[in-house]
Amino acid sequence: WPFALSRREREQNGGTGISSYFKKDIWILWFKILVSCVPAA
């Protein structure tokens, strides 16, 4: 799940601003997964 919705998760991501709602490492993982999907898709 790539979104930080709880206060604790947002604090771990920096705590302020729109970027705190996104889990950067998980977004990067999903981009890699989409790259893996390209050949078969």
Full PDB file with SEQRES, HELIX, SHEET, SSBOND, CRYST1, ORIGX, SCALE, CONECT and MASTER records, all heavy atoms in Angstrom:
SEQRES   1 A   41  TRP PRO PHE ALA LEU SER ARG ARG GLU ARG GLU GLN ASN          
SEQRES   2 A   41  GLY GLY THR GLY ILE SER SER TYR PHE LYS LYS ASP ILE          
SEQRES   3 A   41  TRP ILE LEU TRP PHE LYS ILE LEU VAL SER CYS VAL PRO          
SEQRES   4 A   41  ALA ALA                                                      
HELIX    1 AA1 ARG A    7  GLN A   12  1                                   6    
HELIX    2 AA2 ILE A   18  TYR A   21  5                                   4    
HELIX    3 AA3 LYS A   24  ALA A   40  1                                  17    
CRYST1    1.000    1.000    1.000  90.00  90.00  90.00 P 1           1          
ORIGX1      1.000000  0.000000  0.000000        0.00000                         
ORIGX2      0.000000  1.000000  0.000000        0.00000                         
ORIGX3      0.000000  0.000000  1.000000        0.00000                         
SCALE1      1.000000  0.000000  0.000000        0.00000                         
SCALE2      0.000000  1.000000  0.000000        0.00000                         
SCALE3      0.000000  0.000000  1.000000        0.00000                         
ATOM      1  N   TRP A   1       0.860  -1.200   0.000  1.00  0.00           N  
ATOM      2  CA  TRP A   1       0.000   0.000   0.000  1.00  0.00           C  
ATOM      3  C   TRP A   1       0.889   1.241   0.000  1.00  0.00           C  
ATOM      4  O   TRP A   1       1.646   1.463   0.935  1.00  0.00           O  
ATOM      5  CB  TRP A   1      -0.922  -0.020   1.199  1.00  0.00           C  
ATOM      6  CG  TRP A   1      -1.834   1.176   1.285  1.00  0.00           C  
ATOM      7  CD1 TRP A   1      -1.830   2.145   2.240  1.00  0.00           C  
ATOM      8  CD2 TRP A   1      -2.890   1.523   0.385  1.00  0.00           C  
ATOM      9  NE1 TRP A   1      -2.808   3.071   1.995  1.00  0.00           N  
ATOM     10  CE2 TRP A   1      -3.480   2.719   0.858  1.00  0.00           C  
ATOM     11  CE3 TRP A   1      -3.407   0.951  -0.779  1.00  0.00           C  
ATOM     12  CZ2 TRP A   1      -4.541   3.346   0.215  1.00  0.00           C  
ATOM     13  CZ3 TRP A   1      -4.475   1.569  -1.427  1.00  0.00           C  
ATOM     14  CH2 TRP A   1      -5.031   2.742  -0.931  1.00  0.00           C  
ATOM     15  N   PRO A   2       0.820   2.073  -1.043  1.00  0.00           N  
ATOM     16  CA  PRO A   2       1.808   3.149  -1.201  1.00  0.00           C  
ATOM     17  C   PRO A   2       1.448   4.481  -0.553  1.00  0.00           C  
ATOM     18  O   PRO A   2       2.169   5.463  -0.732  1.00  0.00           O  
ATOM     19  CB  PRO A   2       1.868   3.306  -2.722  1.00  0.00           C  
ATOM     20  CG  PRO A   2       0.470   2.984  -3.175  1.00  0.00           C  
ATOM     21  CD  PRO A   2      -0.035   1.937  -2.234  1.00  0.00           C  
ATOM     22  N   PHE A   3       0.341   4.520   0.198  1.00  0.00           N  
ATOM     23  CA  PHE A   3      -0.072   5.794   0.796  1.00  0.00           C  
ATOM     24  C   PHE A   3       0.057   5.748   2.319  1.00  0.00           C  
ATOM     25  O   PHE A   3      -0.295   4.759   2.954  1.00  0.00           O  
ATOM     26  CB  PHE A   3      -1.516   6.122   0.418  1.00  0.00           C  
ATOM     27  CG  PHE A   3      -1.733   6.274  -1.057  1.00  0.00           C  
ATOM     28  CD1 PHE A   3      -2.312   5.245  -1.797  1.00  0.00           C  
ATOM     29  CD2 PHE A   3      -1.341   7.431  -1.713  1.00  0.00           C  
ATOM     30  CE1 PHE A   3      -2.505   5.369  -3.160  1.00  0.00           C  
ATOM     31  CE2 PHE A   3      -1.532   7.567  -3.084  1.00  0.00           C  
ATOM     32  CZ  PHE A   3      -2.108   6.531  -3.808  1.00  0.00           C  
ATOM     33  N   ALA A   4       0.568   6.819   2.885  1.00  0.00           N  
ATOM     34  CA  ALA A   4       0.696   6.951   4.339  1.00  0.00           C  
ATOM     35  C   ALA A   4      -0.488   7.762   4.856  1.00  0.00           C  
ATOM     36  O   ALA A   4      -0.532   8.982   4.680  1.00  0.00           O  
ATOM     37  CB  ALA A   4       2.017   7.630   4.690  1.00  0.00           C  
ATOM     38  N   LEU A   5      -1.439   7.100   5.476  1.00  0.00           N  
ATOM     39  CA  LEU A   5      -2.656   7.783   5.899  1.00  0.00           C  
ATOM     40  C   LEU A   5      -2.674   8.077   7.402  1.00  0.00           C  
ATOM     41  O   LEU A   5      -3.309   9.040   7.843  1.00  0.00           O  
ATOM     42  CB  LEU A   5      -3.881   6.941   5.514  1.00  0.00           C  
ATOM     43  CG  LEU A   5      -4.042   6.665   4.009  1.00  0.00           C  
ATOM     44  CD1 LEU A   5      -5.303   5.849   3.768  1.00  0.00           C  
ATOM     45  CD2 LEU A   5      -4.077   7.965   3.227  1.00  0.00           C  
ATOM     46  N   SER A   6      -1.994   7.267   8.174  1.00  0.00           N  
ATOM     47  CA  SER A   6      -1.981   7.513   9.617  1.00  0.00           C  
ATOM     48  C   SER A   6      -0.950   8.587   9.960  1.00  0.00           C  
ATOM     49  O   SER A   6      -0.008   8.838   9.214  1.00  0.00           O  
ATOM     50  CB  SER A   6      -1.651   6.222  10.370  1.00  0.00           C  
ATOM     51  OG  SER A   6      -0.301   5.852  10.151  1.00  0.00           O  
ATOM     52  N   ARG A   7      -1.144   9.220  11.135  1.00  0.00           N  
ATOM     53  CA  ARG A   7      -0.213  10.270  11.565  1.00  0.00           C  
ATOM     54  C   ARG A   7       1.193   9.696  11.754  1.00  0.00           C  
ATOM     55  O   ARG A   7       2.185  10.336  11.384  1.00  0.00           O  
ATOM     56  CB  ARG A   7      -0.708  10.886  12.877  1.00  0.00           C  
ATOM     57  CG  ARG A   7       0.237  11.954  13.435  1.00  0.00           C  
ATOM     58  CD  ARG A   7      -0.288  12.534  14.728  1.00  0.00           C  
ATOM     59  NE  ARG A   7      -1.553  13.239  14.502  1.00  0.00           N  
ATOM     60  CZ  ARG A   7      -2.263  13.811  15.483  1.00  0.00           C  
ATOM     61  NH1 ARG A   7      -1.824  13.724  16.746  1.00  0.00           N  
ATOM     62  NH2 ARG A   7      -3.392  14.441  15.217  1.00  0.00           N  
ATOM     63  N   ARG A   8       1.301   8.495  12.314  1.00  0.00           N  
ATOM     64  CA  ARG A   8       2.610   7.891  12.552  1.00  0.00           C  
ATOM     65  C   ARG A   8       3.351   7.674  11.238  1.00  0.00           C  
ATOM     66  O   ARG A   8       4.547   7.953  11.121  1.00  0.00           O  
ATOM     67  CB  ARG A   8       2.452   6.564  13.288  1.00  0.00           C  
ATOM     68  CG  ARG A   8       3.782   5.867  13.621  1.00  0.00           C  
ATOM     69  CD  ARG A   8       3.540   4.587  14.411  1.00  0.00           C  
ATOM     70  NE  ARG A   8       2.745   3.642  13.643  1.00  0.00           N  
ATOM     71  CZ  ARG A   8       3.266   2.807  12.738  1.00  0.00           C  
ATOM     72  NH1 ARG A   8       4.564   2.828  12.483  1.00  0.00           N  
ATOM     73  NH2 ARG A   8       2.486   1.961  12.093  1.00  0.00           N  
ATOM     74  N   GLU A   9       2.633   7.187  10.226  1.00  0.00           N  
ATOM     75  CA  GLU A   9       3.265   6.944   8.924  1.00  0.00           C  
ATOM     76  C   GLU A   9       3.696   8.256   8.274  1.00  0.00           C  
ATOM     77  O   GLU A   9       4.767   8.339   7.667  1.00  0.00           O  
ATOM     78  CB  GLU A   9       2.290   6.189   8.011  1.00  0.00           C  
ATOM     79  CG  GLU A   9       2.064   4.739   8.394  1.00  0.00           C  
ATOM     80  CD  GLU A   9       1.059   4.056   7.490  1.00  0.00           C  
ATOM     81  OE1 GLU A   9       0.109   4.734   7.033  1.00  0.00           O  
ATOM     82  OE2 GLU A   9       1.213   2.858   7.238  1.00  0.00           O  
ATOM     83  N   ARG A  10       2.862   9.291   8.398  1.00  0.00           N  
ATOM     84  CA  ARG A  10       3.218  10.576   7.800  1.00  0.00           C  
ATOM     85  C   ARG A  10       4.426  11.197   8.493  1.00  0.00           C  
ATOM     86  O   ARG A  10       5.269  11.824   7.849  1.00  0.00           O  
ATOM     87  CB  ARG A  10       2.022  11.534   7.848  1.00  0.00           C  
ATOM     88  CG  ARG A  10       0.869  11.098   6.951  1.00  0.00           C  
ATOM     89  CD  ARG A  10      -0.067  12.256   6.641  1.00  0.00           C  
ATOM     90  NE  ARG A  10      -0.601  12.867   7.849  1.00  0.00           N  
ATOM     91  CZ  ARG A  10      -1.690  12.428   8.491  1.00  0.00           C  
ATOM     92  NH1 ARG A  10      -2.335  11.366   8.034  1.00  0.00           N  
ATOM     93  NH2 ARG A  10      -2.133  13.060   9.573  1.00  0.00           N  
ATOM     94  N   GLU A  11       4.527  11.004   9.803  1.00  0.00           N  
ATOM     95  CA  GLU A  11       5.689  11.505  10.542  1.00  0.00           C  
ATOM     96  C   GLU A  11       6.967  10.806  10.087  1.00  0.00           C  
ATOM     97  O   GLU A  11       8.030  11.416  10.001  1.00  0.00           O  
ATOM     98  CB  GLU A  11       5.474  11.316  12.041  1.00  0.00           C  
ATOM     99  CG  GLU A  11       4.445  12.272  12.632  1.00  0.00           C  
ATOM    100  CD  GLU A  11       4.164  11.986  14.093  1.00  0.00           C  
ATOM    101  OE1 GLU A  11       4.653  10.938  14.587  1.00  0.00           O  
ATOM    102  OE2 GLU A  11       3.465  12.789  14.739  1.00  0.00           O  
ATOM    103  N   GLN A  12       6.851   9.522   9.783  1.00  0.00           N  
ATOM    104  CA  GLN A  12       8.000   8.776   9.287  1.00  0.00           C  
ATOM    105  C   GLN A  12       8.445   9.282   7.908  1.00  0.00           C  
ATOM    106  O   GLN A  12       9.615   9.181   7.542  1.00  0.00           O  
ATOM    107  CB  GLN A  12       7.675   7.279   9.200  1.00  0.00           C  
ATOM    108  CG  GLN A  12       7.522   6.608  10.561  1.00  0.00           C  
ATOM    109  CD  GLN A  12       7.058   5.173  10.453  1.00  0.00           C  
ATOM    110  OE1 GLN A  12       6.594   4.729   9.404  1.00  0.00           O  
ATOM    111  NE2 GLN A  12       7.177   4.427  11.538  1.00  0.00           N  
ATOM    112  N   ASN A  13       7.494   9.832   7.155  1.00  0.00           N  
ATOM    113  CA  ASN A  13       7.795  10.358   5.820  1.00  0.00           C  
ATOM    114  C   ASN A  13       8.176  11.839   5.826  1.00  0.00           C  
ATOM    115  O   ASN A  13       8.341  12.447   4.779  1.00  0.00           O  
ATOM    116  CB  ASN A  13       6.589  10.168   4.887  1.00  0.00           C  
ATOM    117  CG  ASN A  13       6.403   8.721   4.481  1.00  0.00           C  
ATOM    118  OD1 ASN A  13       7.323   7.916   4.604  1.00  0.00           O  
ATOM    119  ND2 ASN A  13       5.218   8.380   4.013  1.00  0.00           N  
ATOM    120  N   GLY A  14       8.274  12.426   6.972  1.00  0.00           N  
ATOM    121  CA  GLY A  14       8.646  13.837   7.039  1.00  0.00           C  
ATOM    122  C   GLY A  14       7.666  14.665   7.826  1.00  0.00           C  
ATOM    123  O   GLY A  14       7.989  15.743   8.321  1.00  0.00           O  
ATOM    124  N   GLY A  15       6.410  14.180   7.882  1.00  0.00           N  
ATOM    125  CA  GLY A  15       5.439  14.801   8.766  1.00  0.00           C  
ATOM    126  C   GLY A  15       4.641  15.950   8.195  1.00  0.00           C  
ATOM    127  O   GLY A  15       3.540  16.225   8.645  1.00  0.00           O  
ATOM    128  N   THR A  16       5.146  16.665   7.211  1.00  0.00           N  
ATOM    129  CA  THR A  16       4.418  17.814   6.672  1.00  0.00           C  
ATOM    130  C   THR A  16       4.429  17.781   5.157  1.00  0.00           C  
ATOM    131  O   THR A  16       5.303  17.184   4.540  1.00  0.00           O  
ATOM    132  CB  THR A  16       5.065  19.136   7.130  1.00  0.00           C  
ATOM    133  OG1 THR A  16       6.433  19.167   6.692  1.00  0.00           O  
ATOM    134  CG2 THR A  16       5.017  19.257   8.646  1.00  0.00           C  
ATOM    135  N   GLY A  17       3.458  18.462   4.580  1.00  0.00           N  
ATOM    136  CA  GLY A  17       3.411  18.559   3.124  1.00  0.00           C  
ATOM    137  C   GLY A  17       2.754  17.352   2.478  1.00  0.00           C  
ATOM    138  O   GLY A  17       2.565  16.305   3.089  1.00  0.00           O  
ATOM    139  N   ILE A  18       2.402  17.523   1.213  1.00  0.00           N  
ATOM    140  CA  ILE A  18       1.721  16.478   0.467  1.00  0.00           C  
ATOM    141  C   ILE A  18       2.595  15.233   0.304  1.00  0.00           C  
ATOM    142  O   ILE A  18       2.104  14.102   0.235  1.00  0.00           O  
ATOM    143  CB  ILE A  18       1.283  17.005  -0.927  1.00  0.00           C  
ATOM    144  CG1 ILE A  18       0.342  16.015  -1.622  1.00  0.00           C  
ATOM    145  CG2 ILE A  18       2.503  17.302  -1.797  1.00  0.00           C  
ATOM    146  CD1 ILE A  18      -0.998  15.881  -0.971  1.00  0.00           C  
ATOM    147  N   SER A  19       3.920  15.405   0.261  1.00  0.00           N  
ATOM    148  CA  SER A  19       4.822  14.272   0.055  1.00  0.00           C  
ATOM    149  C   SER A  19       4.782  13.285   1.208  1.00  0.00           C  
ATOM    150  O   SER A  19       5.124  12.115   1.041  1.00  0.00           O  
ATOM    151  CB  SER A  19       6.253  14.764  -0.150  1.00  0.00           C  
ATOM    152  OG  SER A  19       6.720  15.457   0.987  1.00  0.00           O  
ATOM    153  N   SER A  20       4.362  13.740   2.400  1.00  0.00           N  
ATOM    154  CA  SER A  20       4.327  12.840   3.551  1.00  0.00           C  
ATOM    155  C   SER A  20       3.254  11.767   3.414  1.00  0.00           C  
ATOM    156  O   SER A  20       3.249  10.791   4.169  1.00  0.00           O  
ATOM    157  CB  SER A  20       4.095  13.637   4.837  1.00  0.00           C  
ATOM    158  OG  SER A  20       2.795  14.214   4.847  1.00  0.00           O  
ATOM    159  N   TYR A  21       2.326  11.959   2.463  1.00  0.00           N  
ATOM    160  CA  TYR A  21       1.252  10.983   2.258  1.00  0.00           C  
ATOM    161  C   TYR A  21       1.679   9.842   1.328  1.00  0.00           C  
ATOM    162  O   TYR A  21       0.912   8.922   1.097  1.00  0.00           O  
ATOM    163  CB  TYR A  21       0.012  11.665   1.670  1.00  0.00           C  
ATOM    164  CG  TYR A  21      -0.737  12.498   2.678  1.00  0.00           C  
ATOM    165  CD1 TYR A  21      -0.397  13.828   2.892  1.00  0.00           C  
ATOM    166  CD2 TYR A  21      -1.783  11.954   3.422  1.00  0.00           C  
ATOM    167  CE1 TYR A  21      -1.081  14.602   3.822  1.00  0.00           C  
ATOM    168  CE2 TYR A  21      -2.465  12.719   4.348  1.00  0.00           C  
ATOM    169  CZ  TYR A  21      -2.112  14.047   4.541  1.00  0.00           C  
ATOM    170  OH  TYR A  21      -2.807  14.806   5.468  1.00  0.00           O  
ATOM    171  N   PHE A  22       2.883   9.907   0.808  1.00  0.00           N  
ATOM    172  CA  PHE A  22       3.340   8.900  -0.138  1.00  0.00           C  
ATOM    173  C   PHE A  22       4.540   8.141   0.421  1.00  0.00           C  
ATOM    174  O   PHE A  22       5.488   8.749   0.909  1.00  0.00           O  
ATOM    175  CB  PHE A  22       3.718   9.546  -1.471  1.00  0.00           C  
ATOM    176  CG  PHE A  22       2.581  10.253  -2.142  1.00  0.00           C  
ATOM    177  CD1 PHE A  22       2.380  11.619  -1.948  1.00  0.00           C  
ATOM    178  CD2 PHE A  22       1.697   9.566  -2.947  1.00  0.00           C  
ATOM    179  CE1 PHE A  22       1.324  12.279  -2.547  1.00  0.00           C  
ATOM    180  CE2 PHE A  22       0.638  10.215  -3.547  1.00  0.00           C  
ATOM    181  CZ  PHE A  22       0.441  11.569  -3.358  1.00  0.00           C  
ATOM    182  N   LYS A  23       4.475   6.812   0.339  1.00  0.00           N  
ATOM    183  CA  LYS A  23       5.590   5.967   0.764  1.00  0.00           C  
ATOM    184  C   LYS A  23       6.512   5.774  -0.433  1.00  0.00           C  
ATOM    185  O   LYS A  23       6.218   4.980  -1.332  1.00  0.00           O  
ATOM    186  CB  LYS A  23       5.088   4.630   1.283  1.00  0.00           C  
ATOM    187  CG  LYS A  23       4.152   4.733   2.477  1.00  0.00           C  
ATOM    188  CD  LYS A  23       3.627   3.372   2.882  1.00  0.00           C  
ATOM    189  CE  LYS A  23       2.646   3.461   4.038  1.00  0.00           C  
ATOM    190  NZ  LYS A  23       2.077   2.141   4.395  1.00  0.00           N  
ATOM    191  N   LYS A  24       7.603   6.521  -0.439  1.00  0.00           N  
ATOM    192  CA  LYS A  24       8.473   6.573  -1.605  1.00  0.00           C  
ATOM    193  C   LYS A  24       9.005   5.210  -2.008  1.00  0.00           C  
ATOM    194  O   LYS A  24       9.006   4.852  -3.192  1.00  0.00           O  
ATOM    195  CB  LYS A  24       9.640   7.524  -1.337  1.00  0.00           C  
ATOM    196  CG  LYS A  24      10.582   7.694  -2.521  1.00  0.00           C  
ATOM    197  CD  LYS A  24      11.715   8.662  -2.181  1.00  0.00           C  
ATOM    198  CE  LYS A  24      12.689   8.778  -3.354  1.00  0.00           C  
ATOM    199  NZ  LYS A  24      13.817   9.701  -3.036  1.00  0.00           N  
ATOM    200  N   ASP A  25       9.451   4.404  -1.034  1.00  0.00           N  
ATOM    201  CA  ASP A  25      10.043   3.112  -1.362  1.00  0.00           C  
ATOM    202  C   ASP A  25       9.031   2.170  -2.013  1.00  0.00           C  
ATOM    203  O   ASP A  25       9.366   1.404  -2.927  1.00  0.00           O  
ATOM    204  CB  ASP A  25      10.641   2.461  -0.111  1.00  0.00           C  
ATOM    205  CG  ASP A  25       9.636   2.334   1.023  1.00  0.00           C  
ATOM    206  OD1 ASP A  25       8.642   3.081   1.025  1.00  0.00           O  
ATOM    207  OD2 ASP A  25       9.862   1.488   1.911  1.00  0.00           O  
ATOM    208  N   ILE A  26       7.761   2.263  -1.570  1.00  0.00           N  
ATOM    209  CA  ILE A  26       6.732   1.401  -2.156  1.00  0.00           C  
ATOM    210  C   ILE A  26       6.352   1.886  -3.551  1.00  0.00           C  
ATOM    211  O   ILE A  26       6.099   1.079  -4.455  1.00  0.00           O  
ATOM    212  CB  ILE A  26       5.498   1.323  -1.234  1.00  0.00           C  
ATOM    213  CG1 ILE A  26       5.902   0.674   0.099  1.00  0.00           C  
ATOM    214  CG2 ILE A  26       4.381   0.523  -1.900  1.00  0.00           C  
ATOM    215  CD1 ILE A  26       4.765   0.537   1.087  1.00  0.00           C  
ATOM    216  N   TRP A  27       6.318   3.200  -3.756  1.00  0.00           N  
ATOM    217  CA  TRP A  27       6.053   3.717  -5.105  1.00  0.00           C  
ATOM    218  C   TRP A  27       7.140   3.253  -6.076  1.00  0.00           C  
ATOM    219  O   TRP A  27       6.858   2.864  -7.218  1.00  0.00           O  
ATOM    220  CB  TRP A  27       5.987   5.248  -5.081  1.00  0.00           C  
ATOM    221  CG  TRP A  27       4.638   5.760  -4.673  1.00  0.00           C  
ATOM    222  CD1 TRP A  27       4.284   6.272  -3.458  1.00  0.00           C  
ATOM    223  CD2 TRP A  27       3.453   5.778  -5.471  1.00  0.00           C  
ATOM    224  NE1 TRP A  27       2.958   6.622  -3.455  1.00  0.00           N  
ATOM    225  CE2 TRP A  27       2.418   6.326  -4.675  1.00  0.00           C  
ATOM    226  CE3 TRP A  27       3.162   5.381  -6.778  1.00  0.00           C  
ATOM    227  CZ2 TRP A  27       1.122   6.490  -5.141  1.00  0.00           C  
ATOM    228  CZ3 TRP A  27       1.861   5.551  -7.245  1.00  0.00           C  
ATOM    229  CH2 TRP A  27       0.863   6.103  -6.435  1.00  0.00           C  
ATOM    230  N   ILE A  28       8.385   3.302  -5.628  1.00  0.00           N  
ATOM    231  CA  ILE A  28       9.496   2.851  -6.484  1.00  0.00           C  
ATOM    232  C   ILE A  28       9.331   1.365  -6.806  1.00  0.00           C  
ATOM    233  O   ILE A  28       9.533   0.924  -7.961  1.00  0.00           O  
ATOM    234  CB  ILE A  28      10.845   3.113  -5.792  1.00  0.00           C  
ATOM    235  CG1 ILE A  28      11.106   4.614  -5.708  1.00  0.00           C  
ATOM    236  CG2 ILE A  28      11.989   2.416  -6.536  1.00  0.00           C  
ATOM    237  CD1 ILE A  28      12.333   4.981  -4.893  1.00  0.00           C  
ATOM    238  N   LEU A  29       8.926   0.566  -5.807  1.00  0.00           N  
ATOM    239  CA  LEU A  29       8.692  -0.863  -6.041  1.00  0.00           C  
ATOM    240  C   LEU A  29       7.617  -1.073  -7.105  1.00  0.00           C  
ATOM    241  O   LEU A  29       7.769  -1.906  -8.003  1.00  0.00           O  
ATOM    242  CB  LEU A  29       8.279  -1.540  -4.730  1.00  0.00           C  
ATOM    243  CG  LEU A  29       7.848  -3.010  -4.837  1.00  0.00           C  
ATOM    244  CD1 LEU A  29       8.992  -3.883  -5.335  1.00  0.00           C  
ATOM    245  CD2 LEU A  29       7.325  -3.519  -3.479  1.00  0.00           C  
ATOM    246  N   TRP A  30       6.528  -0.291  -7.026  1.00  0.00           N  
ATOM    247  CA  TRP A  30       5.452  -0.450  -8.000  1.00  0.00           C  
ATOM    248  C   TRP A  30       5.894  -0.040  -9.407  1.00  0.00           C  
ATOM    249  O   TRP A  30       5.483  -0.652 -10.398  1.00  0.00           O  
ATOM    250  CB  TRP A  30       4.225   0.357  -7.568  1.00  0.00           C  
ATOM    251  CG  TRP A  30       3.372  -0.416  -6.615  1.00  0.00           C  
ATOM    252  CD1 TRP A  30       3.161  -0.145  -5.298  1.00  0.00           C  
ATOM    253  CD2 TRP A  30       2.623  -1.598  -6.898  1.00  0.00           C  
ATOM    254  NE1 TRP A  30       2.330  -1.081  -4.745  1.00  0.00           N  
ATOM    255  CE2 TRP A  30       1.985  -1.979  -5.698  1.00  0.00           C  
ATOM    256  CE3 TRP A  30       2.438  -2.373  -8.046  1.00  0.00           C  
ATOM    257  CZ2 TRP A  30       1.172  -3.120  -5.623  1.00  0.00           C  
ATOM    258  CZ3 TRP A  30       1.638  -3.500  -7.968  1.00  0.00           C  
ATOM    259  CH2 TRP A  30       1.013  -3.859  -6.773  1.00  0.00           C  
ATOM    260  N   PHE A  31       6.733   0.978  -9.512  1.00  0.00           N  
ATOM    261  CA  PHE A  31       7.257   1.350 -10.828  1.00  0.00           C  
ATOM    262  C   PHE A  31       8.087   0.206 -11.419  1.00  0.00           C  
ATOM    263  O   PHE A  31       8.019  -0.079 -12.619  1.00  0.00           O  
ATOM    264  CB  PHE A  31       8.088   2.624 -10.738  1.00  0.00           C  
ATOM    265  CG  PHE A  31       7.273   3.877 -10.567  1.00  0.00           C  
ATOM    266  CD1 PHE A  31       7.605   4.817  -9.596  1.00  0.00           C  
ATOM    267  CD2 PHE A  31       6.163   4.115 -11.360  1.00  0.00           C  
ATOM    268  CE1 PHE A  31       6.845   5.960  -9.424  1.00  0.00           C  
ATOM    269  CE2 PHE A  31       5.390   5.258 -11.200  1.00  0.00           C  
ATOM    270  CZ  PHE A  31       5.736   6.189 -10.223  1.00  0.00           C  
ATOM    271  N   LYS A  32       8.860  -0.448 -10.582  1.00  0.00           N  
ATOM    272  CA  LYS A  32       9.648  -1.592 -11.038  1.00  0.00           C  
ATOM    273  C   LYS A  32       8.742  -2.753 -11.458  1.00  0.00           C  
ATOM    274  O   LYS A  32       9.001  -3.422 -12.464  1.00  0.00           O  
ATOM    275  CB  LYS A  32      10.615  -2.045  -9.938  1.00  0.00           C  
ATOM    276  CG  LYS A  32      11.710  -1.035  -9.644  1.00  0.00           C  
ATOM    277  CD  LYS A  32      12.545  -1.438  -8.438  1.00  0.00           C  
ATOM    278  CE  LYS A  32      13.607  -0.394  -8.112  1.00  0.00           C  
ATOM    279  NZ  LYS A  32      14.375  -0.734  -6.886  1.00  0.00           N  
ATOM    280  N   ILE A  33       7.679  -2.977 -10.692  1.00  0.00           N  
ATOM    281  CA  ILE A  33       6.727  -4.035 -11.037  1.00  0.00           C  
ATOM    282  C   ILE A  33       6.078  -3.752 -12.391  1.00  0.00           C  
ATOM    283  O   ILE A  33       5.907  -4.653 -13.223  1.00  0.00           O  
ATOM    284  CB  ILE A  33       5.661  -4.174  -9.929  1.00  0.00           C  
ATOM    285  CG1 ILE A  33       6.284  -4.814  -8.689  1.00  0.00           C  
ATOM    286  CG2 ILE A  33       4.469  -4.996 -10.414  1.00  0.00           C  
ATOM    287  CD1 ILE A  33       5.383  -4.817  -7.471  1.00  0.00           C  
ATOM    288  N   LEU A  34       5.719  -2.489 -12.634  1.00  0.00           N  
ATOM    289  CA  LEU A  34       5.128  -2.124 -13.924  1.00  0.00           C  
ATOM    290  C   LEU A  34       6.112  -2.349 -15.065  1.00  0.00           C  
ATOM    291  O   LEU A  34       5.716  -2.765 -16.164  1.00  0.00           O  
ATOM    292  CB  LEU A  34       4.659  -0.667 -13.891  1.00  0.00           C  
ATOM    293  CG  LEU A  34       3.468  -0.374 -12.973  1.00  0.00           C  
ATOM    294  CD1 LEU A  34       3.148   1.116 -12.964  1.00  0.00           C  
ATOM    295  CD2 LEU A  34       2.247  -1.177 -13.412  1.00  0.00           C  
ATOM    296  N   VAL A  35       7.396  -2.088 -14.826  1.00  0.00           N  
ATOM    297  CA  VAL A  35       8.417  -2.376 -15.837  1.00  0.00           C  
ATOM    298  C   VAL A  35       8.440  -3.874 -16.137  1.00  0.00           C  
ATOM    299  O   VAL A  35       8.538  -4.287 -17.298  1.00  0.00           O  
ATOM    300  CB  VAL A  35       9.809  -1.896 -15.356  1.00  0.00           C  
ATOM    301  CG1 VAL A  35      10.911  -2.452 -16.257  1.00  0.00           C  
ATOM    302  CG2 VAL A  35       9.864  -0.375 -15.340  1.00  0.00           C  
ATOM    303  N   SER A  36       8.335  -4.698 -15.092  1.00  0.00           N  
ATOM    304  CA  SER A  36       8.312  -6.151 -15.285  1.00  0.00           C  
ATOM    305  C   SER A  36       7.088  -6.607 -16.076  1.00  0.00           C  
ATOM    306  O   SER A  36       7.128  -7.646 -16.744  1.00  0.00           O  
ATOM    307  CB  SER A  36       8.320  -6.864 -13.926  1.00  0.00           C  
ATOM    308  OG  SER A  36       9.521  -6.660 -13.229  1.00  0.00           O  
ATOM    309  N   CYS A  37       6.008  -5.836 -16.001  1.00  0.00           N  
ATOM    310  CA  CYS A  37       4.763  -6.212 -16.688  1.00  0.00           C  
ATOM    311  C   CYS A  37       4.809  -5.943 -18.191  1.00  0.00           C  
ATOM    312  O   CYS A  37       4.034  -6.542 -18.949  1.00  0.00           O  
ATOM    313  CB  CYS A  37       3.583  -5.442 -16.103  1.00  0.00           C  
ATOM    314  SG  CYS A  37       3.153  -5.910 -14.426  1.00  0.00           S  
ATOM    315  N   VAL A  38       5.685  -5.043 -18.617  1.00  0.00           N  
ATOM    316  CA  VAL A  38       5.655  -4.570 -20.006  1.00  0.00           C  
ATOM    317  C   VAL A  38       5.778  -5.694 -21.033  1.00  0.00           C  
ATOM    318  O   VAL A  38       4.955  -5.791 -21.960  1.00  0.00           O  
ATOM    319  CB  VAL A  38       6.736  -3.491 -20.241  1.00  0.00           C  
ATOM    320  CG1 VAL A  38       6.879  -3.180 -21.729  1.00  0.00           C  
ATOM    321  CG2 VAL A  38       6.380  -2.225 -19.470  1.00  0.00           C  
ATOM    322  N   PRO A  39       6.790  -6.582 -20.937  1.00  0.00           N  
ATOM    323  CA  PRO A  39       6.931  -7.614 -21.986  1.00  0.00           C  
ATOM    324  C   PRO A  39       5.687  -8.486 -22.142  1.00  0.00           C  
ATOM    325  O   PRO A  39       5.181  -8.669 -23.260  1.00  0.00           O  
ATOM    326  CB  PRO A  39       8.135  -8.437 -21.504  1.00  0.00           C  
ATOM    327  CG  PRO A  39       8.924  -7.497 -20.660  1.00  0.00           C  
ATOM    328  CD  PRO A  39       7.903  -6.659 -19.958  1.00  0.00           C  
ATOM    329  N   ALA A  40       5.179  -9.027 -21.025  1.00  0.00           N  
ATOM    330  CA  ALA A  40       4.019  -9.913 -21.103  1.00  0.00           C  
ATOM    331  C   ALA A  40       2.760  -9.164 -21.513  1.00  0.00           C  
ATOM    332  O   ALA A  40       1.912  -9.712 -22.232  1.00  0.00           O  
ATOM    333  CB  ALA A  40       3.799 -10.601 -19.750  1.00  0.00           C  
ATOM    334  N   ALA A  41       2.613  -7.903 -21.066  1.00  0.00           N  
ATOM    335  CA  ALA A  41       1.416  -7.125 -21.404  1.00  0.00           C  
ATOM    336  C   ALA A  41       1.350  -6.864 -22.904  1.00  0.00           C  
ATOM    337  O   ALA A  41       0.302  -7.057 -23.538  1.00  0.00           O  
ATOM    338  CB  ALA A  41       1.414  -5.809 -20.630  1.00  0.00           C  
TER     339      ALA A  41                                                      
MASTER        0    0    0    3    0    0    0    6  338    1    0    4          
END                                                                             
